[in-house]
Amino acid sequence: MLCIATTSGHFHRINQAFERTLGYAQGELLSRSFFELVHPDDVEKTQQEVQKLRTGIDTISFDNRYRHKNGEYRWLNWTTPAPASGSHFLYAVARDITVQRQRDERTLFLASHDDLTGLANRWRFNEELEANFARLKRDTSRTFAVLVLDLDKFKPINDAHGHQAGDLVLRTIGDRLRAIKRETDILCRLGGDEFALLAPDAEVGEAHLIAERMRVEVLRPIDIGDVEVTVDVSIGVAMATKHSGDAKDFLKMADDAMYMNKRSKAESGVAANAGTNDKP
């Protein structure tokens, strides 16, 4: 894609590749400022790049998004030498890198998200947890919570209805938890039937309220096609303070709290069964 434009923001001449890529006829492009076509989020940085060209600094590789005539945006990569002294003309070369950017974004998404539920994965969760500990060191008045959830009664669903049904249950629970989390919370599938939530700036009471809302969502019946199934959940809550250890130890605290909850529920069930069996 080749074009001649002015430092005031107007196209002076374009080639056919430019027309094909953006879907406009030449007259449509020459009649408007190119800033009108730039994605709103990219306008400021594009203006800054043009200002650098005005001061004699070449553009070697600059990416921004231009609106196609159909309303979609295309990623363009620009190389533009600074104009000669006294000139206001820019001789620019652009490449359409939309497919490459989409592929890179997809790769980045897969690296940081669970492919079954679309939630953050363990790596992304650990990164966010480390970042929150770093903020806590800078401001010891802050706090945050981590909740670890492990599904109960999930294995029998896999055994009785197959792994596709189990995957549907995990996706459904992931969607439900995503729908009720706060905008700043990081929801993660740690693996298997275990989830975790990082709640920045949450106080103790708020963390337990979040846990209760999550429990209610998990307990709702799930339609797997021919039948409805239900699962239970054990939740562990850990609150970070300036006295907390590192991220790894802190996550283990939440995990241990979850297992204590699971063990307590199991012991309560055994006691209830024993009481029933002792009845005459």
C-alpha atoms as a PDB file:
ATOM      1  CA  MET A   1       0.000   0.000   0.000  1.00  0.00           C
ATOM      2  CA  LEU A   2       1.520   3.289  -1.134  1.00  0.00           C
ATOM      3  CA  CYS A   3       0.294   6.807  -0.487  1.00  0.00           C
ATOM      4  CA  ILE A   4       1.334  10.406  -0.477  1.00  0.00           C
ATOM      5  CA  ALA A   5      -0.184  12.377   2.381  1.00  0.00           C
ATOM      6  CA  THR A   6       0.349  15.744   4.000  1.00  0.00           C
ATOM      7  CA  THR A   7       1.492  16.457   7.524  1.00  0.00           C
ATOM      8  CA  SER A   8      -1.833  18.260   8.025  1.00  0.00           C
ATOM      9  CA  GLY A   9      -3.573  14.877   7.815  1.00  0.00           C
ATOM     10  CA  HIS A  10      -4.869  14.508   4.249  1.00  0.00           C
ATOM     11  CA  PHE A  11      -4.252  11.962   1.517  1.00  0.00           C
ATOM     12  CA  HIS A  12      -2.796  13.454  -1.662  1.00  0.00           C
ATOM     13  CA  ARG A  13      -2.468  10.288  -3.713  1.00  0.00           C
ATOM     14  CA  ILE A  14      -3.026   6.551  -3.102  1.00  0.00           C
ATOM     15  CA  ASN A  15      -2.472   3.394  -5.142  1.00  0.00           C
ATOM     16  CA  GLN A  16      -4.956   0.637  -5.985  1.00  0.00           C
ATOM     17  CA  ALA A  17      -3.699  -1.616  -3.180  1.00  0.00           C
ATOM     18  CA  PHE A  18      -4.772   1.101  -0.748  1.00  0.00           C
ATOM     19  CA  GLU A  19      -8.255   1.193  -2.277  1.00  0.00           C
ATOM     20  CA  ARG A  20      -8.591  -2.612  -2.206  1.00  0.00           C
ATOM     21  CA  THR A  21      -7.444  -2.918   1.388  1.00  0.00           C
ATOM     22  CA  LEU A  22      -9.808  -0.293   2.810  1.00  0.00           C
ATOM     23  CA  GLY A  23     -12.663  -0.678   0.315  1.00  0.00           C
ATOM     24  CA  TYR A  24     -12.934   3.006  -0.581  1.00  0.00           C
ATOM     25  CA  ALA A  25     -12.676   4.580  -4.012  1.00  0.00           C
ATOM     26  CA  GLN A  26      -9.778   6.984  -4.452  1.00  0.00           C
ATOM     27  CA  GLY A  27     -12.062  10.007  -4.449  1.00  0.00           C
ATOM     28  CA  GLU A  28     -13.584   8.968  -1.117  1.00  0.00           C
ATOM     29  CA  LEU A  29     -10.176   8.817   0.527  1.00  0.00           C
ATOM     30  CA  LEU A  30      -8.796  12.019  -0.997  1.00  0.00           C
ATOM     31  CA  SER A  31     -11.793  14.017   0.219  1.00  0.00           C
ATOM     32  CA  ARG A  32     -11.250  13.467   3.943  1.00  0.00           C
ATOM     33  CA  SER A  33      -8.646  13.666   6.674  1.00  0.00           C
ATOM     34  CA  PHE A  34      -6.988  10.319   7.291  1.00  0.00           C
ATOM     35  CA  PHE A  35      -7.486  10.887  11.017  1.00  0.00           C
ATOM     36  CA  GLU A  36     -11.211  10.326  10.391  1.00  0.00           C
ATOM     37  CA  LEU A  37     -10.435   6.724   9.415  1.00  0.00           C
ATOM     38  CA  VAL A  38      -8.148   5.956  12.351  1.00  0.00           C
ATOM     39  CA  HIS A  39      -9.627   3.932  15.212  1.00  0.00           C
ATOM     40  CA  PRO A  40     -10.611   6.299  18.077  1.00  0.00           C
ATOM     41  CA  ASP A  41      -8.222   4.523  20.447  1.00  0.00           C
ATOM     42  CA  ASP A  42      -5.335   5.063  18.005  1.00  0.00           C
ATOM     43  CA  VAL A  43      -5.932   8.723  17.053  1.00  0.00           C
ATOM     44  CA  GLU A  44      -3.763  10.253  19.772  1.00  0.00           C
ATOM     45  CA  LYS A  45      -0.743   8.049  19.115  1.00  0.00           C
ATOM     46  CA  THR A  46      -1.154   8.614  15.346  1.00  0.00           C
ATOM     47  CA  GLN A  47      -1.141  12.370  15.891  1.00  0.00           C
ATOM     48  CA  GLN A  48       2.008  12.004  17.995  1.00  0.00           C
ATOM     49  CA  GLU A  49       3.665   9.956  15.236  1.00  0.00           C
ATOM     50  CA  VAL A  50       2.827  12.611  12.614  1.00  0.00           C
ATOM     51  CA  GLN A  51       4.245  15.288  14.913  1.00  0.00           C
ATOM     52  CA  LYS A  52       7.498  13.296  15.146  1.00  0.00           C
ATOM     53  CA  LEU A  53       7.633  13.205  11.340  1.00  0.00           C
ATOM     54  CA  ARG A  54       7.210  16.995  11.266  1.00  0.00           C
ATOM     55  CA  THR A  55      10.288  17.310  13.500  1.00  0.00           C
ATOM     56  CA  GLY A  56      12.375  15.108  11.202  1.00  0.00           C
ATOM     57  CA  ILE A  57      12.071  11.713  12.919  1.00  0.00           C
ATOM     58  CA  ASP A  58      11.402   8.786  10.555  1.00  0.00           C
ATOM     59  CA  THR A  59       8.619   6.295  11.208  1.00  0.00           C
ATOM     60  CA  ILE A  60      10.254   2.877  10.955  1.00  0.00           C
ATOM     61  CA  SER A  61       7.406   0.591  12.083  1.00  0.00           C
ATOM     62  CA  PHE A  62       4.152   2.012  13.412  1.00  0.00           C
ATOM     63  CA  ASP A  63       0.888   0.099  13.831  1.00  0.00           C
ATOM     64  CA  ASN A  64      -2.615   1.536  13.946  1.00  0.00           C
ATOM     65  CA  ARG A  65      -6.131   0.610  12.854  1.00  0.00           C
ATOM     66  CA  TYR A  66      -7.972   2.076   9.885  1.00  0.00           C
ATOM     67  CA  ARG A  67     -11.695   1.742   9.290  1.00  0.00           C
ATOM     68  CA  HIS A  68     -12.693  -0.298   6.245  1.00  0.00           C
ATOM     69  CA  LYS A  69     -15.692   0.926   4.274  1.00  0.00           C
ATOM     70  CA  ASN A  70     -17.721  -1.992   5.709  1.00  0.00           C
ATOM     71  CA  GLY A  71     -17.170  -0.642   9.236  1.00  0.00           C
ATOM     72  CA  GLU A  72     -14.532  -3.159  10.315  1.00  0.00           C
ATOM     73  CA  TYR A  73     -11.002  -2.102  11.236  1.00  0.00           C
ATOM     74  CA  ARG A  74      -7.785  -3.235   9.560  1.00  0.00           C
ATOM     75  CA  TRP A  75      -4.396  -3.170  11.252  1.00  0.00           C
ATOM     76  CA  LEU A  76      -1.798  -1.317   9.155  1.00  0.00           C
ATOM     77  CA  ASN A  77       1.953  -1.203   9.676  1.00  0.00           C
ATOM     78  CA  TRP A  78       3.567   2.020   8.437  1.00  0.00           C
ATOM     79  CA  THR A  79       7.050   3.000   7.286  1.00  0.00           C
ATOM     80  CA  THR A  80       7.369   6.703   6.522  1.00  0.00           C
ATOM     81  CA  PRO A  81      10.531   8.778   6.067  1.00  0.00           C
ATOM     82  CA  ALA A  82      10.384  12.254   7.527  1.00  0.00           C
ATOM     83  CA  PRO A  83       9.605  14.908   4.875  1.00  0.00           C
ATOM     84  CA  ALA A  84      12.421  16.878   3.311  1.00  0.00           C
ATOM     85  CA  SER A  85      13.155  20.247   4.842  1.00  0.00           C
ATOM     86  CA  GLY A  86      10.432  22.721   3.902  1.00  0.00           C
ATOM     87  CA  SER A  87       8.114  20.011   2.545  1.00  0.00           C
ATOM     88  CA  HIS A  88       4.822  18.903   4.045  1.00  0.00           C
ATOM     89  CA  PHE A  89       4.453  15.735   1.949  1.00  0.00           C
ATOM     90  CA  LEU A  90       4.765  12.256   3.469  1.00  0.00           C
ATOM     91  CA  TYR A  91       5.640   9.291   1.235  1.00  0.00           C
ATOM     92  CA  ALA A  92       4.338   6.305   3.157  1.00  0.00           C
ATOM     93  CA  VAL A  93       4.341   2.543   2.719  1.00  0.00           C
ATOM     94  CA  ALA A  94       1.792   0.464   4.648  1.00  0.00           C
ATOM     95  CA  ARG A  95       1.200  -3.270   5.040  1.00  0.00           C
ATOM     96  CA  ASP A  96      -2.071  -4.905   6.075  1.00  0.00           C
ATOM     97  CA  ILE A  97      -1.135  -6.950   9.159  1.00  0.00           C
ATOM     98  CA  THR A  98      -4.667  -7.706  10.367  1.00  0.00           C
ATOM     99  CA  VAL A  99      -4.350 -11.486  10.084  1.00  0.00           C
ATOM    100  CA  GLN A 100      -0.969 -11.444  11.825  1.00  0.00           C
ATOM    101  CA  ARG A 101      -2.301  -9.307  14.684  1.00  0.00           C
ATOM    102  CA  GLN A 102      -5.354 -11.544  15.102  1.00  0.00           C
ATOM    103  CA  ARG A 103      -3.110 -14.606  15.158  1.00  0.00           C
ATOM    104  CA  ASP A 104      -0.805 -13.000  17.724  1.00  0.00           C
ATOM    105  CA  GLU A 105      -3.762 -11.959  19.891  1.00  0.00           C
ATOM    106  CA  ARG A 106      -5.181 -15.487  19.687  1.00  0.00           C
ATOM    107  CA  THR A 107      -1.811 -16.966  20.664  1.00  0.00           C
ATOM    108  CA  LEU A 108      -1.547 -14.585  23.610  1.00  0.00           C
ATOM    109  CA  PHE A 109      -5.109 -15.422  24.664  1.00  0.00           C
ATOM    110  CA  LEU A 110      -4.413 -19.163  24.583  1.00  0.00           C
ATOM    111  CA  ALA A 111      -1.221 -18.658  26.585  1.00  0.00           C
ATOM    112  CA  SER A 112      -3.095 -16.928  29.394  1.00  0.00           C
ATOM    113  CA  HIS A 113      -6.537 -18.557  29.312  1.00  0.00           C
ATOM    114  CA  ASP A 114      -8.077 -21.964  29.856  1.00  0.00           C
ATOM    115  CA  ASP A 115      -9.192 -23.359  26.501  1.00  0.00           C
ATOM    116  CA  LEU A 116     -12.277 -25.123  27.927  1.00  0.00           C
ATOM    117  CA  THR A 117     -13.887 -22.305  29.926  1.00  0.00           C
ATOM    118  CA  GLY A 118     -12.193 -19.203  28.511  1.00  0.00           C
ATOM    119  CA  LEU A 119     -11.263 -18.145  32.042  1.00  0.00           C
ATOM    120  CA  ALA A 120      -7.781 -17.112  33.064  1.00  0.00           C
ATOM    121  CA  ASN A 121      -5.422 -20.073  33.483  1.00  0.00           C
ATOM    122  CA  ARG A 122      -3.073 -20.844  36.366  1.00  0.00           C
ATOM    123  CA  TRP A 123      -0.155 -18.941  34.760  1.00  0.00           C
ATOM    124  CA  ARG A 124      -2.216 -15.769  34.322  1.00  0.00           C
ATOM    125  CA  PHE A 125      -3.627 -16.107  37.848  1.00  0.00           C
ATOM    126  CA  ASN A 126      -0.141 -16.429  39.345  1.00  0.00           C
ATOM    127  CA  GLU A 127       1.004 -13.348  37.414  1.00  0.00           C
ATOM    128  CA  GLU A 128      -1.920 -11.315  38.761  1.00  0.00           C
ATOM    129  CA  LEU A 129      -1.305 -12.637  42.275  1.00  0.00           C
ATOM    130  CA  GLU A 130       2.362 -11.590  42.116  1.00  0.00           C
ATOM    131  CA  ALA A 131       1.322  -8.134  40.893  1.00  0.00           C
ATOM    132  CA  ASN A 132      -1.095  -7.719  43.806  1.00  0.00           C
ATOM    133  CA  PHE A 133       1.621  -8.704  46.283  1.00  0.00           C
ATOM    134  CA  ALA A 134       3.919  -6.095  44.713  1.00  0.00           C
ATOM    135  CA  ARG A 135       1.210  -3.430  45.180  1.00  0.00           C
ATOM    136  CA  LEU A 136       0.686  -4.589  48.750  1.00  0.00           C
ATOM    137  CA  LYS A 137       4.377  -4.022  49.503  1.00  0.00           C
ATOM    138  CA  ARG A 138       4.107  -0.456  48.173  1.00  0.00           C
ATOM    139  CA  ASP A 139       0.920   0.244  50.107  1.00  0.00           C
ATOM    140  CA  THR A 140       0.530  -1.899  53.227  1.00  0.00           C
ATOM    141  CA  SER A 141      -2.922  -0.464  53.933  1.00  0.00           C
ATOM    142  CA  ARG A 142      -4.313  -2.390  50.983  1.00  0.00           C
ATOM    143  CA  THR A 143      -5.655  -5.904  51.152  1.00  0.00           C
ATOM    144  CA  PHE A 144      -7.035  -8.491  48.784  1.00  0.00           C
ATOM    145  CA  ALA A 145      -8.631 -11.898  48.941  1.00  0.00           C
ATOM    146  CA  VAL A 146      -8.111 -15.199  47.166  1.00  0.00           C
ATOM    147  CA  LEU A 147     -10.898 -17.770  47.025  1.00  0.00           C
ATOM    148  CA  VAL A 148     -10.217 -21.357  45.944  1.00  0.00           C
ATOM    149  CA  LEU A 149     -13.192 -23.480  44.865  1.00  0.00           C
ATOM    150  CA  ASP A 150     -13.239 -27.232  44.401  1.00  0.00           C
ATOM    151  CA  LEU A 151     -16.362 -28.953  43.072  1.00  0.00           C
ATOM    152  CA  ASP A 152     -17.912 -31.758  45.097  1.00  0.00           C
ATOM    153  CA  LYS A 153     -19.891 -34.574  43.448  1.00  0.00           C
ATOM    154  CA  PHE A 154     -18.315 -33.791  40.066  1.00  0.00           C
ATOM    155  CA  LYS A 155     -16.581 -37.137  39.423  1.00  0.00           C
ATOM    156  CA  PRO A 156     -19.865 -39.125  39.497  1.00  0.00           C
ATOM    157  CA  ILE A 157     -21.158 -36.922  36.651  1.00  0.00           C
ATOM    158  CA  ASN A 158     -18.114 -37.752  34.543  1.00  0.00           C
ATOM    159  CA  ASP A 159     -18.457 -41.445  35.391  1.00  0.00           C
ATOM    160  CA  ALA A 160     -22.203 -41.654  34.742  1.00  0.00           C
ATOM    161  CA  HIS A 161     -22.629 -39.266  31.793  1.00  0.00           C
ATOM    162  CA  GLY A 162     -19.202 -39.046  30.152  1.00  0.00           C
ATOM    163  CA  HIS A 163     -16.520 -36.392  29.831  1.00  0.00           C
ATOM    164  CA  GLN A 164     -18.525 -34.251  27.396  1.00  0.00           C
ATOM    165  CA  ALA A 165     -21.160 -33.804  30.087  1.00  0.00           C
ATOM    166  CA  GLY A 166     -18.426 -33.032  32.602  1.00  0.00           C
ATOM    167  CA  ASP A 167     -16.948 -30.408  30.261  1.00  0.00           C
ATOM    168  CA  LEU A 168     -20.404 -28.844  29.863  1.00  0.00           C
ATOM    169  CA  VAL A 169     -20.737 -28.619  33.653  1.00  0.00           C
ATOM    170  CA  LEU A 170     -17.336 -26.912  33.939  1.00  0.00           C
ATOM    171  CA  ARG A 171     -18.154 -24.416  31.174  1.00  0.00           C
ATOM    172  CA  THR A 172     -21.550 -23.653  32.704  1.00  0.00           C
ATOM    173  CA  ILE A 173     -20.078 -23.036  36.140  1.00  0.00           C
ATOM    174  CA  GLY A 174     -17.342 -20.902  34.610  1.00  0.00           C
ATOM    175  CA  ASP A 175     -19.976 -18.779  32.831  1.00  0.00           C
ATOM    176  CA  ARG A 176     -22.046 -18.402  35.999  1.00  0.00           C
ATOM    177  CA  LEU A 177     -19.086 -17.342  38.098  1.00  0.00           C
ATOM    178  CA  ARG A 178     -17.912 -14.927  35.402  1.00  0.00           C
ATOM    179  CA  ALA A 179     -21.348 -13.300  35.344  1.00  0.00           C
ATOM    180  CA  ILE A 180     -21.325 -12.451  39.065  1.00  0.00           C
ATOM    181  CA  LYS A 181     -17.706 -11.486  39.643  1.00  0.00           C
ATOM    182  CA  ARG A 182     -16.709  -7.859  40.049  1.00  0.00           C
ATOM    183  CA  GLU A 183     -15.086  -6.141  37.080  1.00  0.00           C
ATOM    184  CA  THR A 184     -11.703  -6.017  38.835  1.00  0.00           C
ATOM    185  CA  ASP A 185     -11.756  -9.670  39.962  1.00  0.00           C
ATOM    186  CA  ILE A 186      -9.618 -12.288  38.205  1.00  0.00           C
ATOM    187  CA  LEU A 187     -11.454 -15.595  37.810  1.00  0.00           C
ATOM    188  CA  CYS A 188      -9.366 -18.620  36.965  1.00  0.00           C
ATOM    189  CA  ARG A 189      -9.662 -22.319  36.334  1.00  0.00           C
ATOM    190  CA  LEU A 190      -6.674 -23.770  38.129  1.00  0.00           C
ATOM    191  CA  GLY A 191      -7.237 -27.164  36.520  1.00  0.00           C
ATOM    192  CA  GLY A 192      -9.596 -30.109  36.726  1.00  0.00           C
ATOM    193  CA  ASP A 193     -12.657 -29.062  38.725  1.00  0.00           C
ATOM    194  CA  GLU A 194     -10.810 -26.410  40.740  1.00  0.00           C
ATOM    195  CA  PHE A 195     -11.352 -22.658  40.282  1.00  0.00           C
ATOM    196  CA  ALA A 196      -9.915 -19.584  41.974  1.00  0.00           C
ATOM    197  CA  LEU A 197     -10.856 -15.926  42.308  1.00  0.00           C
ATOM    198  CA  LEU A 198      -8.550 -13.019  43.082  1.00  0.00           C
ATOM    199  CA  ALA A 199     -10.534 -10.131  44.575  1.00  0.00           C
ATOM    200  CA  PRO A 200      -8.421  -6.929  44.776  1.00  0.00           C
ATOM    201  CA  ASP A 201      -9.204  -4.528  47.644  1.00  0.00           C
ATOM    202  CA  ALA A 202     -11.806  -6.888  49.117  1.00  0.00           C
ATOM    203  CA  GLU A 203     -12.327  -6.776  52.881  1.00  0.00           C
ATOM    204  CA  VAL A 204     -13.068  -9.908  54.933  1.00  0.00           C
ATOM    205  CA  GLY A 205     -16.825  -9.460  54.936  1.00  0.00           C
ATOM    206  CA  GLU A 206     -16.935  -8.768  51.215  1.00  0.00           C
ATOM    207  CA  ALA A 207     -14.791 -11.830  50.470  1.00  0.00           C
ATOM    208  CA  HIS A 208     -17.169 -14.106  52.353  1.00  0.00           C
ATOM    209  CA  LEU A 209     -20.139 -12.484  50.631  1.00  0.00           C
ATOM    210  CA  ILE A 210     -18.500 -13.242  47.264  1.00  0.00           C
ATOM    211  CA  ALA A 211     -17.940 -16.821  48.400  1.00  0.00           C
ATOM    212  CA  GLU A 212     -21.600 -17.215  49.297  1.00  0.00           C
ATOM    213  CA  ARG A 213     -22.762 -15.791  45.948  1.00  0.00           C
ATOM    214  CA  MET A 214     -20.462 -18.210  44.157  1.00  0.00           C
ATOM    215  CA  ARG A 215     -21.726 -21.146  46.197  1.00  0.00           C
ATOM    216  CA  VAL A 216     -25.329 -20.300  45.311  1.00  0.00           C
ATOM    217  CA  GLU A 217     -24.475 -20.174  41.612  1.00  0.00           C
ATOM    218  CA  VAL A 218     -22.667 -23.522  41.685  1.00  0.00           C
ATOM    219  CA  LEU A 219     -25.565 -25.247  43.487  1.00  0.00           C
ATOM    220  CA  ARG A 220     -28.101 -24.364  40.780  1.00  0.00           C
ATOM    221  CA  PRO A 221     -29.074 -27.401  38.644  1.00  0.00           C
ATOM    222  CA  ILE A 222     -27.286 -27.772  35.319  1.00  0.00           C
ATOM    223  CA  ASP A 223     -29.020 -29.110  32.208  1.00  0.00           C
ATOM    224  CA  ILE A 224     -26.689 -31.514  30.392  1.00  0.00           C
ATOM    225  CA  GLY A 225     -29.180 -32.456  27.706  1.00  0.00           C
ATOM    226  CA  ASP A 226     -31.255 -35.384  28.861  1.00  0.00           C
ATOM    227  CA  VAL A 227     -31.127 -34.748  32.608  1.00  0.00           C
ATOM    228  CA  GLU A 228     -30.308 -32.068  35.146  1.00  0.00           C
ATOM    229  CA  VAL A 229     -27.377 -32.572  37.481  1.00  0.00           C
ATOM    230  CA  THR A 230     -26.183 -30.736  40.565  1.00  0.00           C
ATOM    231  CA  VAL A 231     -22.780 -30.347  42.159  1.00  0.00           C
ATOM    232  CA  ASP A 232     -21.668 -28.880  45.458  1.00  0.00           C
ATOM    233  CA  VAL A 233     -18.590 -26.777  46.147  1.00  0.00           C
ATOM    234  CA  SER A 234     -16.003 -26.349  48.886  1.00  0.00           C
ATOM    235  CA  ILE A 235     -14.537 -22.848  49.138  1.00  0.00           C
ATOM    236  CA  GLY A 236     -11.460 -21.624  50.953  1.00  0.00           C
ATOM    237  CA  VAL A 237     -10.860 -17.922  51.608  1.00  0.00           C
ATOM    238  CA  ALA A 238      -7.500 -16.297  52.391  1.00  0.00           C
ATOM    239  CA  MET A 239      -6.999 -12.591  53.132  1.00  0.00           C
ATOM    240  CA  ALA A 240      -3.690 -10.950  52.240  1.00  0.00           C
ATOM    241  CA  THR A 241      -2.141  -8.425  54.591  1.00  0.00           C
ATOM    242  CA  LYS A 242       1.303  -6.903  55.016  1.00  0.00           C
ATOM    243  CA  HIS A 243       2.189  -9.934  57.161  1.00  0.00           C
ATOM    244  CA  SER A 244       1.335 -12.485  54.447  1.00  0.00           C
ATOM    245  CA  GLY A 245       4.133 -14.520  52.907  1.00  0.00           C
ATOM    246  CA  ASP A 246       4.786 -14.816  49.191  1.00  0.00           C
ATOM    247  CA  ALA A 247       2.248 -15.555  46.479  1.00  0.00           C
ATOM    248  CA  LYS A 248       2.915 -19.296  46.419  1.00  0.00           C
ATOM    249  CA  ASP A 249       2.453 -19.713  50.181  1.00  0.00           C
ATOM    250  CA  PHE A 250      -0.619 -17.490  50.133  1.00  0.00           C
ATOM    251  CA  LEU A 251      -2.329 -19.557  47.441  1.00  0.00           C
ATOM    252  CA  LYS A 252      -1.591 -22.641  49.524  1.00  0.00           C
ATOM    253  CA  MET A 253      -3.317 -20.967  52.491  1.00  0.00           C
ATOM    254  CA  ALA A 254      -6.494 -20.573  50.432  1.00  0.00           C
ATOM    255  CA  ASP A 255      -6.127 -24.132  49.166  1.00  0.00           C
ATOM    256  CA  ASP A 256      -5.713 -25.457  52.714  1.00  0.00           C
ATOM    257  CA  ALA A 257      -8.791 -23.507  53.826  1.00  0.00           C
ATOM    258  CA  MET A 258     -10.744 -25.084  50.983  1.00  0.00           C
ATOM    259  CA  TYR A 259      -9.673 -28.604  51.993  1.00  0.00           C
ATOM    260  CA  MET A 260     -10.602 -27.875  55.607  1.00  0.00           C
ATOM    261  CA  ASN A 261     -14.052 -26.889  54.389  1.00  0.00           C
ATOM    262  CA  LYS A 262     -14.295 -30.041  52.275  1.00  0.00           C
ATOM    263  CA  ARG A 263     -13.160 -32.235  55.176  1.00  0.00           C
ATOM    264  CA  SER A 264     -15.609 -30.578  57.577  1.00  0.00           C
ATOM    265  CA  LYS A 265     -18.493 -31.214  55.183  1.00  0.00           C
ATOM    266  CA  ALA A 266     -17.458 -34.847  54.758  1.00  0.00           C
ATOM    267  CA  GLU A 267     -17.216 -35.381  58.520  1.00  0.00           C
ATOM    268  CA  SER A 268     -20.621 -33.760  59.002  1.00  0.00           C
ATOM    269  CA  GLY A 269     -22.067 -36.134  56.427  1.00  0.00           C
ATOM    270  CA  VAL A 270     -20.549 -39.161  58.176  1.00  0.00           C
ATOM    271  CA  ALA A 271     -21.888 -37.978  61.528  1.00  0.00           C
ATOM    272  CA  ALA A 272     -25.351 -37.468  60.062  1.00  0.00           C
ATOM    273  CA  ASN A 273     -25.324 -40.956  58.543  1.00  0.00           C
ATOM    274  CA  ALA A 274     -24.109 -42.473  61.818  1.00  0.00           C
ATOM    275  CA  GLY A 275     -26.921 -40.739  63.671  1.00  0.00           C
ATOM    276  CA  THR A 276     -29.447 -42.104  61.233  1.00  0.00           C
ATOM    277  CA  ASN A 277     -28.087 -45.640  61.513  1.00  0.00           C
ATOM    278  CA  ASP A 278     -28.262 -45.510  65.309  1.00  0.00           C
ATOM    279  CA  LYS A 279     -31.973 -44.838  65.289  1.00  0.00           C
ATOM    280  CA  PRO A 280     -34.102 -47.818  66.433  1.00  0.00           C
END
